[in-house]
N, C-alpha and C. Protein backbone atom coordinates (compact mmCIF):
# COMPACT_ATOMS: atom_id res chain seq x y z
N MET A 1 -21.06 35.17 -30.42
CA MET A 1 -20.41 36.36 -30.92
C MET A 1 -18.90 36.30 -30.69
N VAL A 2 -18.52 35.68 -29.59
CA VAL A 2 -17.09 35.57 -29.29
C VAL A 2 -16.38 34.85 -30.42
N PHE A 3 -16.97 33.74 -30.88
CA PHE A 3 -16.33 32.96 -31.94
C PHE A 3 -16.49 33.64 -33.30
N THR A 4 -17.61 34.30 -33.49
CA THR A 4 -17.83 34.99 -34.77
C THR A 4 -16.79 36.05 -35.01
N TYR A 5 -16.44 36.79 -33.97
CA TYR A 5 -15.48 37.87 -34.11
C TYR A 5 -14.05 37.43 -33.81
N GLY A 6 -13.86 36.17 -33.48
CA GLY A 6 -12.51 35.64 -33.26
C GLY A 6 -11.86 36.06 -31.96
N PHE A 7 -12.67 36.38 -30.95
CA PHE A 7 -12.12 36.75 -29.65
C PHE A 7 -11.78 35.51 -28.85
N GLU A 8 -10.94 35.66 -27.87
CA GLU A 8 -10.52 34.56 -27.02
C GLU A 8 -11.60 34.28 -25.98
N PRO A 9 -12.22 33.07 -26.00
CA PRO A 9 -13.30 32.80 -25.05
C PRO A 9 -12.84 32.76 -23.60
N ALA A 10 -11.57 32.54 -23.35
CA ALA A 10 -11.06 32.48 -21.98
C ALA A 10 -10.76 33.86 -21.42
N ALA A 11 -11.11 34.91 -22.14
CA ALA A 11 -10.79 36.27 -21.68
C ALA A 11 -11.58 36.66 -20.45
N GLY A 12 -12.63 35.93 -20.12
CA GLY A 12 -13.37 36.18 -18.89
C GLY A 12 -14.20 37.44 -18.95
N ALA A 13 -14.16 38.19 -17.84
CA ALA A 13 -15.00 39.38 -17.70
C ALA A 13 -14.67 40.46 -18.73
N LYS A 14 -13.47 40.43 -19.27
CA LYS A 14 -13.09 41.43 -20.28
C LYS A 14 -13.93 41.29 -21.55
N LEU A 15 -14.53 40.12 -21.75
CA LEU A 15 -15.35 39.91 -22.95
C LEU A 15 -16.50 40.90 -23.04
N LEU A 16 -17.01 41.33 -21.90
CA LEU A 16 -18.09 42.31 -21.89
C LEU A 16 -17.67 43.58 -22.61
N PHE A 17 -16.42 43.97 -22.43
CA PHE A 17 -15.93 45.22 -22.99
C PHE A 17 -15.28 45.04 -24.35
N ILE A 18 -15.15 43.80 -24.79
CA ILE A 18 -14.55 43.53 -26.10
C ILE A 18 -15.62 43.11 -27.10
N THR A 19 -16.41 42.12 -26.71
CA THR A 19 -17.37 41.52 -27.63
C THR A 19 -18.56 42.43 -27.91
N LEU A 20 -19.18 42.94 -26.86
CA LEU A 20 -20.39 43.74 -27.05
C LEU A 20 -20.19 45.00 -27.88
N PRO A 21 -19.11 45.75 -27.70
CA PRO A 21 -18.91 46.89 -28.61
C PRO A 21 -18.79 46.45 -30.07
N ALA A 22 -18.15 45.31 -30.32
CA ALA A 22 -18.05 44.81 -31.69
C ALA A 22 -19.42 44.44 -32.24
N VAL A 23 -20.26 43.84 -31.41
CA VAL A 23 -21.61 43.46 -31.84
C VAL A 23 -22.45 44.70 -32.11
N PHE A 24 -22.45 45.65 -31.17
CA PHE A 24 -23.27 46.84 -31.34
C PHE A 24 -22.79 47.71 -32.49
N ALA A 25 -21.49 47.65 -32.82
CA ALA A 25 -20.96 48.44 -33.94
C ALA A 25 -21.56 47.98 -35.26
N GLN A 26 -22.00 46.74 -35.34
CA GLN A 26 -22.59 46.20 -36.57
C GLN A 26 -24.08 46.52 -36.69
N MET A 27 -24.70 47.01 -35.63
CA MET A 27 -26.14 47.27 -35.62
C MET A 27 -26.44 48.70 -36.05
N PRO A 28 -27.61 48.88 -36.67
CA PRO A 28 -28.04 50.27 -36.89
C PRO A 28 -28.30 50.92 -35.52
N LEU A 29 -27.88 52.13 -35.36
CA LEU A 29 -27.98 52.88 -34.11
C LEU A 29 -27.24 52.18 -32.97
N GLY A 30 -26.22 51.41 -33.32
CA GLY A 30 -25.45 50.66 -32.33
C GLY A 30 -24.81 51.53 -31.28
N ASN A 31 -24.38 52.74 -31.66
CA ASN A 31 -23.76 53.64 -30.68
C ASN A 31 -24.74 54.01 -29.57
N ILE A 32 -25.99 54.20 -29.94
CA ILE A 32 -27.00 54.55 -28.94
C ILE A 32 -27.26 53.36 -28.02
N PHE A 33 -27.39 52.16 -28.63
CA PHE A 33 -27.67 50.97 -27.83
C PHE A 33 -26.50 50.60 -26.93
N ILE A 34 -25.28 50.78 -27.41
CA ILE A 34 -24.12 50.46 -26.56
C ILE A 34 -24.04 51.44 -25.40
N PHE A 35 -24.38 52.70 -25.65
CA PHE A 35 -24.41 53.68 -24.57
C PHE A 35 -25.44 53.28 -23.52
N ILE A 36 -26.65 52.93 -23.98
CA ILE A 36 -27.71 52.52 -23.05
C ILE A 36 -27.30 51.28 -22.29
N PHE A 37 -26.72 50.31 -23.01
CA PHE A 37 -26.30 49.06 -22.36
C PHE A 37 -25.28 49.33 -21.25
N PHE A 38 -24.25 50.09 -21.56
CA PHE A 38 -23.22 50.33 -20.54
C PHE A 38 -23.72 51.26 -19.43
N LEU A 39 -24.65 52.14 -19.74
CA LEU A 39 -25.26 52.96 -18.69
C LEU A 39 -26.02 52.06 -17.71
N LEU A 40 -26.82 51.14 -18.24
CA LEU A 40 -27.56 50.22 -17.38
C LEU A 40 -26.62 49.27 -16.64
N THR A 41 -25.53 48.86 -17.30
CA THR A 41 -24.53 48.02 -16.63
C THR A 41 -23.90 48.77 -15.47
N SER A 42 -23.65 50.07 -15.65
CA SER A 42 -23.07 50.84 -14.56
C SER A 42 -24.05 50.99 -13.40
N PHE A 43 -25.34 51.13 -13.69
CA PHE A 43 -26.34 51.18 -12.62
C PHE A 43 -26.36 49.87 -11.84
N ALA A 44 -26.30 48.76 -12.57
CA ALA A 44 -26.27 47.44 -11.90
C ALA A 44 -25.01 47.32 -11.05
N ALA A 45 -23.89 47.80 -11.56
CA ALA A 45 -22.64 47.72 -10.79
C ALA A 45 -22.71 48.59 -9.54
N ILE A 46 -23.32 49.75 -9.65
CA ILE A 46 -23.44 50.63 -8.47
C ILE A 46 -24.32 49.96 -7.42
N GLY A 47 -25.41 49.34 -7.84
CA GLY A 47 -26.27 48.62 -6.90
C GLY A 47 -25.51 47.50 -6.20
N ALA A 48 -24.72 46.77 -6.97
CA ALA A 48 -23.92 45.69 -6.37
C ALA A 48 -22.88 46.25 -5.41
N MET A 49 -22.26 47.38 -5.79
CA MET A 49 -21.25 47.98 -4.92
C MET A 49 -21.85 48.43 -3.60
N VAL A 50 -23.02 49.03 -3.66
CA VAL A 50 -23.66 49.50 -2.43
C VAL A 50 -23.90 48.33 -1.48
N SER A 51 -24.39 47.22 -2.02
CA SER A 51 -24.66 46.07 -1.15
C SER A 51 -23.37 45.48 -0.59
N LEU A 52 -22.30 45.50 -1.37
CA LEU A 52 -21.02 44.97 -0.88
C LEU A 52 -20.35 45.92 0.11
N VAL A 53 -20.43 47.21 -0.15
CA VAL A 53 -19.81 48.18 0.75
C VAL A 53 -20.53 48.17 2.09
N GLU A 54 -21.82 47.92 2.09
CA GLU A 54 -22.59 47.91 3.33
C GLU A 54 -22.04 46.89 4.32
N VAL A 55 -21.59 45.75 3.82
CA VAL A 55 -21.02 44.73 4.70
C VAL A 55 -19.78 45.27 5.40
N VAL A 56 -18.91 45.91 4.65
CA VAL A 56 -17.67 46.47 5.21
C VAL A 56 -18.00 47.61 6.17
N VAL A 57 -18.93 48.47 5.79
CA VAL A 57 -19.32 49.60 6.64
C VAL A 57 -19.91 49.09 7.95
N ALA A 58 -20.77 48.10 7.88
CA ALA A 58 -21.36 47.54 9.10
C ALA A 58 -20.28 46.94 9.99
N PHE A 59 -19.33 46.22 9.39
CA PHE A 59 -18.24 45.64 10.17
C PHE A 59 -17.42 46.73 10.86
N LEU A 60 -17.00 47.75 10.10
CA LEU A 60 -16.20 48.84 10.68
C LEU A 60 -16.97 49.58 11.76
N SER A 61 -18.25 49.80 11.54
CA SER A 61 -19.08 50.51 12.53
C SER A 61 -19.23 49.71 13.81
N GLU A 62 -19.48 48.41 13.66
CA GLU A 62 -19.75 47.59 14.85
C GLU A 62 -18.47 47.18 15.59
N GLN A 63 -17.45 46.81 14.85
CA GLN A 63 -16.23 46.30 15.50
C GLN A 63 -15.32 47.41 16.02
N PHE A 64 -15.25 48.51 15.28
CA PHE A 64 -14.33 49.59 15.67
C PHE A 64 -15.07 50.83 16.13
N GLU A 65 -16.40 50.73 16.24
CA GLU A 65 -17.24 51.81 16.70
C GLU A 65 -17.01 53.11 15.94
N LEU A 66 -16.77 52.98 14.64
CA LEU A 66 -16.64 54.16 13.80
C LEU A 66 -18.03 54.68 13.44
N PRO A 67 -18.17 55.97 13.33
CA PRO A 67 -19.45 56.49 12.82
C PRO A 67 -19.67 55.97 11.40
N ARG A 68 -20.92 55.76 11.02
CA ARG A 68 -21.21 55.19 9.69
C ARG A 68 -20.62 56.04 8.57
N LYS A 69 -20.65 57.34 8.72
CA LYS A 69 -20.11 58.21 7.66
C LYS A 69 -18.61 57.99 7.51
N SER A 70 -17.88 57.91 8.60
CA SER A 70 -16.44 57.66 8.54
C SER A 70 -16.14 56.27 7.99
N ALA A 71 -16.91 55.29 8.45
CA ALA A 71 -16.72 53.92 7.97
C ALA A 71 -17.00 53.83 6.47
N THR A 72 -18.01 54.57 6.01
CA THR A 72 -18.34 54.56 4.58
C THR A 72 -17.21 55.16 3.76
N TRP A 73 -16.70 56.31 4.20
CA TRP A 73 -15.60 56.94 3.46
C TRP A 73 -14.34 56.08 3.48
N LEU A 74 -14.06 55.46 4.60
CA LEU A 74 -12.89 54.58 4.70
C LEU A 74 -13.04 53.38 3.76
N ALA A 75 -14.20 52.77 3.76
CA ALA A 75 -14.44 51.61 2.89
C ALA A 75 -14.38 52.00 1.42
N ILE A 76 -15.01 53.11 1.06
CA ILE A 76 -15.00 53.56 -0.33
C ILE A 76 -13.59 53.92 -0.77
N GLY A 77 -12.84 54.58 0.11
CA GLY A 77 -11.45 54.92 -0.23
C GLY A 77 -10.58 53.70 -0.46
N ALA A 78 -10.70 52.71 0.43
CA ALA A 78 -9.90 51.49 0.28
C ALA A 78 -10.30 50.74 -0.99
N LEU A 79 -11.60 50.64 -1.23
CA LEU A 79 -12.07 49.95 -2.44
C LEU A 79 -11.67 50.70 -3.70
N ALA A 80 -11.71 52.03 -3.68
CA ALA A 80 -11.30 52.82 -4.84
C ALA A 80 -9.82 52.64 -5.11
N LEU A 81 -9.03 52.58 -4.05
CA LEU A 81 -7.59 52.39 -4.22
C LEU A 81 -7.28 51.04 -4.85
N VAL A 82 -7.88 49.99 -4.33
CA VAL A 82 -7.66 48.65 -4.88
C VAL A 82 -8.30 48.53 -6.26
N GLY A 83 -9.51 49.05 -6.41
CA GLY A 83 -10.21 48.96 -7.68
C GLY A 83 -9.52 49.72 -8.79
N SER A 84 -8.89 50.84 -8.47
CA SER A 84 -8.20 51.61 -9.51
C SER A 84 -7.03 50.82 -10.08
N THR A 85 -6.40 49.98 -9.27
CA THR A 85 -5.30 49.16 -9.81
C THR A 85 -5.83 48.16 -10.84
N ALA A 86 -7.02 47.64 -10.61
CA ALA A 86 -7.62 46.73 -11.60
C ALA A 86 -8.02 47.50 -12.85
N ALA A 87 -8.58 48.69 -12.67
CA ALA A 87 -9.01 49.48 -13.82
C ALA A 87 -7.81 49.93 -14.66
N LEU A 88 -6.70 50.20 -14.04
CA LEU A 88 -5.52 50.66 -14.76
C LEU A 88 -4.67 49.51 -15.32
N SER A 89 -5.06 48.28 -15.05
CA SER A 89 -4.23 47.16 -15.49
C SER A 89 -4.29 46.93 -17.00
N ASN A 90 -5.19 47.60 -17.69
CA ASN A 90 -5.23 47.51 -19.15
C ASN A 90 -4.62 48.75 -19.81
N SER A 91 -4.10 49.68 -19.00
CA SER A 91 -3.49 50.87 -19.58
C SER A 91 -2.18 51.18 -18.86
N THR A 92 -2.23 52.05 -17.87
CA THR A 92 -1.03 52.50 -17.19
C THR A 92 -0.25 51.37 -16.53
N LEU A 93 -0.95 50.43 -15.93
CA LEU A 93 -0.29 49.32 -15.24
C LEU A 93 -0.27 48.03 -16.07
N ALA A 94 -0.42 48.15 -17.39
CA ALA A 94 -0.49 46.97 -18.26
C ALA A 94 0.78 46.12 -18.19
N ASN A 95 1.92 46.74 -17.94
CA ASN A 95 3.17 45.99 -17.90
C ASN A 95 3.51 45.46 -16.51
N PHE A 96 2.71 45.84 -15.52
CA PHE A 96 2.93 45.37 -14.15
C PHE A 96 2.17 44.07 -13.95
N THR A 97 2.90 43.02 -13.64
CA THR A 97 2.25 41.72 -13.42
C THR A 97 2.72 41.10 -12.11
N LEU A 98 1.85 40.31 -11.53
CA LEU A 98 2.17 39.48 -10.37
C LEU A 98 1.78 38.06 -10.72
N PHE A 99 2.67 37.14 -10.52
CA PHE A 99 2.42 35.73 -10.84
C PHE A 99 2.02 35.57 -12.30
N GLY A 100 2.57 36.43 -13.17
CA GLY A 100 2.29 36.34 -14.60
C GLY A 100 0.94 36.88 -15.02
N LYS A 101 0.27 37.61 -14.14
CA LYS A 101 -1.06 38.14 -14.45
C LYS A 101 -1.10 39.63 -14.16
N THR A 102 -1.91 40.36 -14.96
CA THR A 102 -2.16 41.75 -14.63
C THR A 102 -2.97 41.78 -13.34
N LEU A 103 -3.07 42.91 -12.72
CA LEU A 103 -3.81 42.99 -11.46
C LEU A 103 -5.28 42.64 -11.66
N PHE A 104 -5.86 43.07 -12.77
CA PHE A 104 -7.25 42.72 -13.05
C PHE A 104 -7.39 41.20 -13.14
N ASP A 105 -6.51 40.57 -13.92
CA ASP A 105 -6.57 39.11 -14.07
C ASP A 105 -6.27 38.39 -12.76
N LEU A 106 -5.37 38.94 -11.97
CA LEU A 106 -5.06 38.34 -10.67
C LEU A 106 -6.27 38.41 -9.73
N TYR A 107 -6.89 39.58 -9.66
CA TYR A 107 -8.08 39.72 -8.82
C TYR A 107 -9.18 38.78 -9.30
N ASP A 108 -9.36 38.71 -10.62
CA ASP A 108 -10.38 37.82 -11.19
C ASP A 108 -10.08 36.36 -10.84
N PHE A 109 -8.83 35.97 -10.97
CA PHE A 109 -8.45 34.58 -10.66
C PHE A 109 -8.66 34.27 -9.18
N VAL A 110 -8.20 35.15 -8.31
CA VAL A 110 -8.30 34.90 -6.88
C VAL A 110 -9.75 34.84 -6.43
N THR A 111 -10.57 35.77 -6.89
CA THR A 111 -11.97 35.75 -6.46
C THR A 111 -12.72 34.56 -7.04
N SER A 112 -12.53 34.27 -8.33
CA SER A 112 -13.27 33.19 -8.97
C SER A 112 -12.78 31.81 -8.59
N ASN A 113 -11.47 31.64 -8.48
CA ASN A 113 -10.91 30.31 -8.31
C ASN A 113 -10.47 29.97 -6.88
N VAL A 114 -10.41 30.97 -6.03
CA VAL A 114 -9.99 30.71 -4.65
C VAL A 114 -11.09 31.12 -3.66
N LEU A 115 -11.48 32.39 -3.68
CA LEU A 115 -12.41 32.89 -2.66
C LEU A 115 -13.81 32.31 -2.79
N LEU A 116 -14.33 32.20 -4.01
CA LEU A 116 -15.68 31.62 -4.16
C LEU A 116 -15.73 30.16 -3.71
N PRO A 117 -14.81 29.31 -4.17
CA PRO A 117 -14.85 27.93 -3.66
C PRO A 117 -14.61 27.85 -2.15
N LEU A 118 -13.69 28.67 -1.62
CA LEU A 118 -13.46 28.66 -0.17
C LEU A 118 -14.72 29.10 0.59
N GLY A 119 -15.38 30.12 0.07
CA GLY A 119 -16.63 30.56 0.69
C GLY A 119 -17.66 29.44 0.68
N GLY A 120 -17.80 28.77 -0.45
CA GLY A 120 -18.73 27.65 -0.54
C GLY A 120 -18.36 26.52 0.40
N PHE A 121 -17.07 26.25 0.52
CA PHE A 121 -16.59 25.19 1.42
C PHE A 121 -16.96 25.52 2.87
N PHE A 122 -16.69 26.75 3.29
CA PHE A 122 -16.98 27.12 4.67
C PHE A 122 -18.48 27.22 4.94
N ILE A 123 -19.24 27.61 3.93
CA ILE A 123 -20.70 27.63 4.10
C ILE A 123 -21.23 26.23 4.31
N THR A 124 -20.73 25.26 3.53
CA THR A 124 -21.20 23.88 3.72
C THR A 124 -20.81 23.37 5.10
N LEU A 125 -19.61 23.71 5.56
CA LEU A 125 -19.21 23.30 6.90
C LEU A 125 -20.08 23.95 7.96
N PHE A 126 -20.37 25.23 7.78
CA PHE A 126 -21.20 25.93 8.75
C PHE A 126 -22.61 25.35 8.81
N VAL A 127 -23.23 25.20 7.64
CA VAL A 127 -24.60 24.69 7.61
C VAL A 127 -24.65 23.25 8.09
N GLY A 128 -23.67 22.45 7.66
CA GLY A 128 -23.69 21.03 8.00
C GLY A 128 -23.30 20.71 9.43
N TRP A 129 -22.41 21.49 9.99
CA TRP A 129 -21.86 21.12 11.30
C TRP A 129 -22.11 22.13 12.40
N SER A 130 -22.30 23.42 12.07
CA SER A 130 -22.51 24.41 13.13
C SER A 130 -23.98 24.65 13.44
N LEU A 131 -24.79 24.68 12.40
CA LEU A 131 -26.22 24.85 12.65
C LEU A 131 -26.79 23.58 13.23
N LYS A 132 -27.68 23.73 14.17
CA LYS A 132 -28.31 22.56 14.78
C LYS A 132 -29.24 21.91 13.76
N PRO A 133 -29.23 20.59 13.70
CA PRO A 133 -30.12 19.89 12.74
C PRO A 133 -31.58 20.29 12.89
N GLU A 134 -32.00 20.59 14.12
CA GLU A 134 -33.39 21.00 14.33
C GLU A 134 -33.68 22.33 13.63
N PHE A 135 -32.71 23.23 13.66
CA PHE A 135 -32.88 24.52 12.98
C PHE A 135 -32.95 24.33 11.47
N VAL A 136 -32.06 23.49 10.95
CA VAL A 136 -32.06 23.22 9.51
C VAL A 136 -33.40 22.61 9.10
N LYS A 137 -33.87 21.66 9.91
CA LYS A 137 -35.16 21.01 9.62
C LYS A 137 -36.29 22.04 9.66
N GLU A 138 -36.25 22.92 10.63
CA GLU A 138 -37.28 23.96 10.73
C GLU A 138 -37.30 24.83 9.48
N GLN A 139 -36.11 25.17 8.99
CA GLN A 139 -36.01 26.02 7.80
C GLN A 139 -36.47 25.29 6.54
N LEU A 140 -36.11 24.03 6.42
CA LEU A 140 -36.42 23.27 5.21
C LEU A 140 -37.85 22.72 5.19
N THR A 141 -38.52 22.73 6.34
CA THR A 141 -39.89 22.22 6.38
C THR A 141 -40.91 23.34 6.55
N ASN A 142 -40.45 24.57 6.43
CA ASN A 142 -41.34 25.72 6.61
C ASN A 142 -42.00 25.65 7.99
N ARG A 143 -41.12 25.47 8.99
CA ARG A 143 -41.54 25.36 10.40
C ARG A 143 -42.52 24.21 10.64
N GLY A 144 -42.21 23.09 9.98
CA GLY A 144 -43.00 21.88 10.20
C GLY A 144 -44.22 21.75 9.31
N GLN A 145 -44.48 22.72 8.45
CA GLN A 145 -45.66 22.66 7.59
C GLN A 145 -45.49 21.66 6.45
N LEU A 146 -44.24 21.39 6.06
CA LEU A 146 -43.98 20.43 4.99
C LEU A 146 -43.54 19.10 5.59
N ASN A 147 -44.03 18.04 5.03
CA ASN A 147 -43.65 16.71 5.49
C ASN A 147 -42.57 16.17 4.55
N ASN A 148 -41.31 16.59 4.79
CA ASN A 148 -40.22 16.18 3.93
C ASN A 148 -39.00 15.74 4.74
N ASP A 149 -39.23 14.90 5.73
CA ASP A 149 -38.13 14.46 6.60
C ASP A 149 -37.02 13.77 5.82
N ARG A 150 -37.39 12.99 4.80
CA ARG A 150 -36.35 12.31 4.01
C ARG A 150 -35.48 13.31 3.26
N VAL A 151 -36.12 14.34 2.74
CA VAL A 151 -35.37 15.38 2.03
C VAL A 151 -34.42 16.09 3.00
N VAL A 152 -34.86 16.36 4.19
CA VAL A 152 -34.03 17.03 5.19
C VAL A 152 -32.84 16.14 5.55
N ARG A 153 -33.09 14.85 5.78
CA ARG A 153 -31.98 13.93 6.10
C ARG A 153 -30.99 13.85 4.95
N LEU A 154 -31.50 13.77 3.72
CA LEU A 154 -30.63 13.73 2.54
C LEU A 154 -29.83 15.02 2.44
N PHE A 155 -30.50 16.15 2.66
CA PHE A 155 -29.82 17.44 2.61
C PHE A 155 -28.67 17.49 3.62
N LEU A 156 -28.94 17.05 4.84
CA LEU A 156 -27.89 17.09 5.88
C LEU A 156 -26.72 16.18 5.52
N ILE A 157 -27.00 15.02 4.96
CA ILE A 157 -25.91 14.13 4.53
C ILE A 157 -25.09 14.79 3.42
N LEU A 158 -25.79 15.36 2.44
CA LEU A 158 -25.09 16.01 1.33
C LEU A 158 -24.28 17.21 1.78
N VAL A 159 -24.87 18.04 2.63
CA VAL A 159 -24.18 19.26 3.04
C VAL A 159 -23.05 18.97 4.03
N ARG A 160 -23.11 17.87 4.74
CA ARG A 160 -22.05 17.53 5.68
C ARG A 160 -20.89 16.80 5.02
N TYR A 161 -21.20 15.86 4.15
CA TYR A 161 -20.16 14.97 3.63
C TYR A 161 -19.85 15.15 2.15
N VAL A 162 -20.87 15.26 1.32
CA VAL A 162 -20.65 15.28 -0.12
C VAL A 162 -20.23 16.66 -0.61
N SER A 163 -20.99 17.69 -0.24
CA SER A 163 -20.72 19.04 -0.74
C SER A 163 -19.33 19.56 -0.37
N PRO A 164 -18.89 19.43 0.89
CA PRO A 164 -17.54 19.92 1.18
C PRO A 164 -16.47 19.23 0.34
N LEU A 165 -16.63 17.94 0.13
CA LEU A 165 -15.66 17.21 -0.68
C LEU A 165 -15.68 17.69 -2.12
N LEU A 166 -16.87 17.87 -2.69
CA LEU A 166 -16.96 18.32 -4.07
C LEU A 166 -16.45 19.75 -4.24
N VAL A 167 -16.77 20.62 -3.30
CA VAL A 167 -16.28 21.99 -3.39
C VAL A 167 -14.76 22.02 -3.24
N LEU A 168 -14.23 21.18 -2.37
CA LEU A 168 -12.77 21.09 -2.22
C LEU A 168 -12.13 20.59 -3.51
N ILE A 169 -12.74 19.65 -4.19
CA ILE A 169 -12.23 19.16 -5.47
C ILE A 169 -12.25 20.29 -6.50
N VAL A 170 -13.33 21.07 -6.54
CA VAL A 170 -13.41 22.21 -7.45
C VAL A 170 -12.29 23.21 -7.16
N LEU A 171 -12.06 23.50 -5.89
CA LEU A 171 -11.00 24.42 -5.48
C LEU A 171 -9.65 23.91 -5.94
N LEU A 172 -9.35 22.65 -5.64
CA LEU A 172 -8.05 22.09 -6.01
C LEU A 172 -7.87 22.03 -7.52
N ASP A 173 -8.95 21.74 -8.23
CA ASP A 173 -8.88 21.70 -9.69
C ASP A 173 -8.63 23.09 -10.25
N SER A 174 -9.28 24.11 -9.69
CA SER A 174 -9.09 25.47 -10.19
C SER A 174 -7.67 25.96 -9.90
N LEU A 175 -7.02 25.39 -8.93
CA LEU A 175 -5.62 25.73 -8.62
C LEU A 175 -4.64 24.82 -9.36
N ASN A 176 -5.18 24.01 -10.28
CA ASN A 176 -4.38 23.09 -11.10
C ASN A 176 -3.59 22.09 -10.28
N VAL A 177 -4.15 21.66 -9.15
CA VAL A 177 -3.50 20.63 -8.32
C VAL A 177 -3.59 19.28 -9.01
N PHE A 178 -4.68 19.05 -9.73
CA PHE A 178 -4.86 17.77 -10.43
C PHE A 178 -4.28 17.89 -11.82
């Protein structure tokens, strides 16, 4: 549909709000279906937000001994403040750019091209080097019920040496180092 309607495929997450309305506009009863689609999309987004906010709320509650209600309001307020800048980057803040990107595009770039690869890199380091090999083996063999020692050894080699290198290459490539 992106190519059919001549939209820019590199537009990223904005394609959801550009392409689908154009597609549904061509359908009989498209207005009803687009309403249902975006209503269900908003429910999915709310579910995702709840799971993400819970991490911040738990951190604030445990580290700073804030009551959960206060931690929840603080987290929601901070996220609403930052999130509103992304939401307004296609209207009120459309002319405000950092590093040549609107705030929405900047947040999208940083999360997709920096934070996700960094998270993957640190996860591989944690699993490969911080977790005890016996624990990893226990997890991968269903507490010894599976006879897959070779798979476990291969997994440990990959997660220790190959995966961090490959994730680092992905990170550097996404930052246009190569």
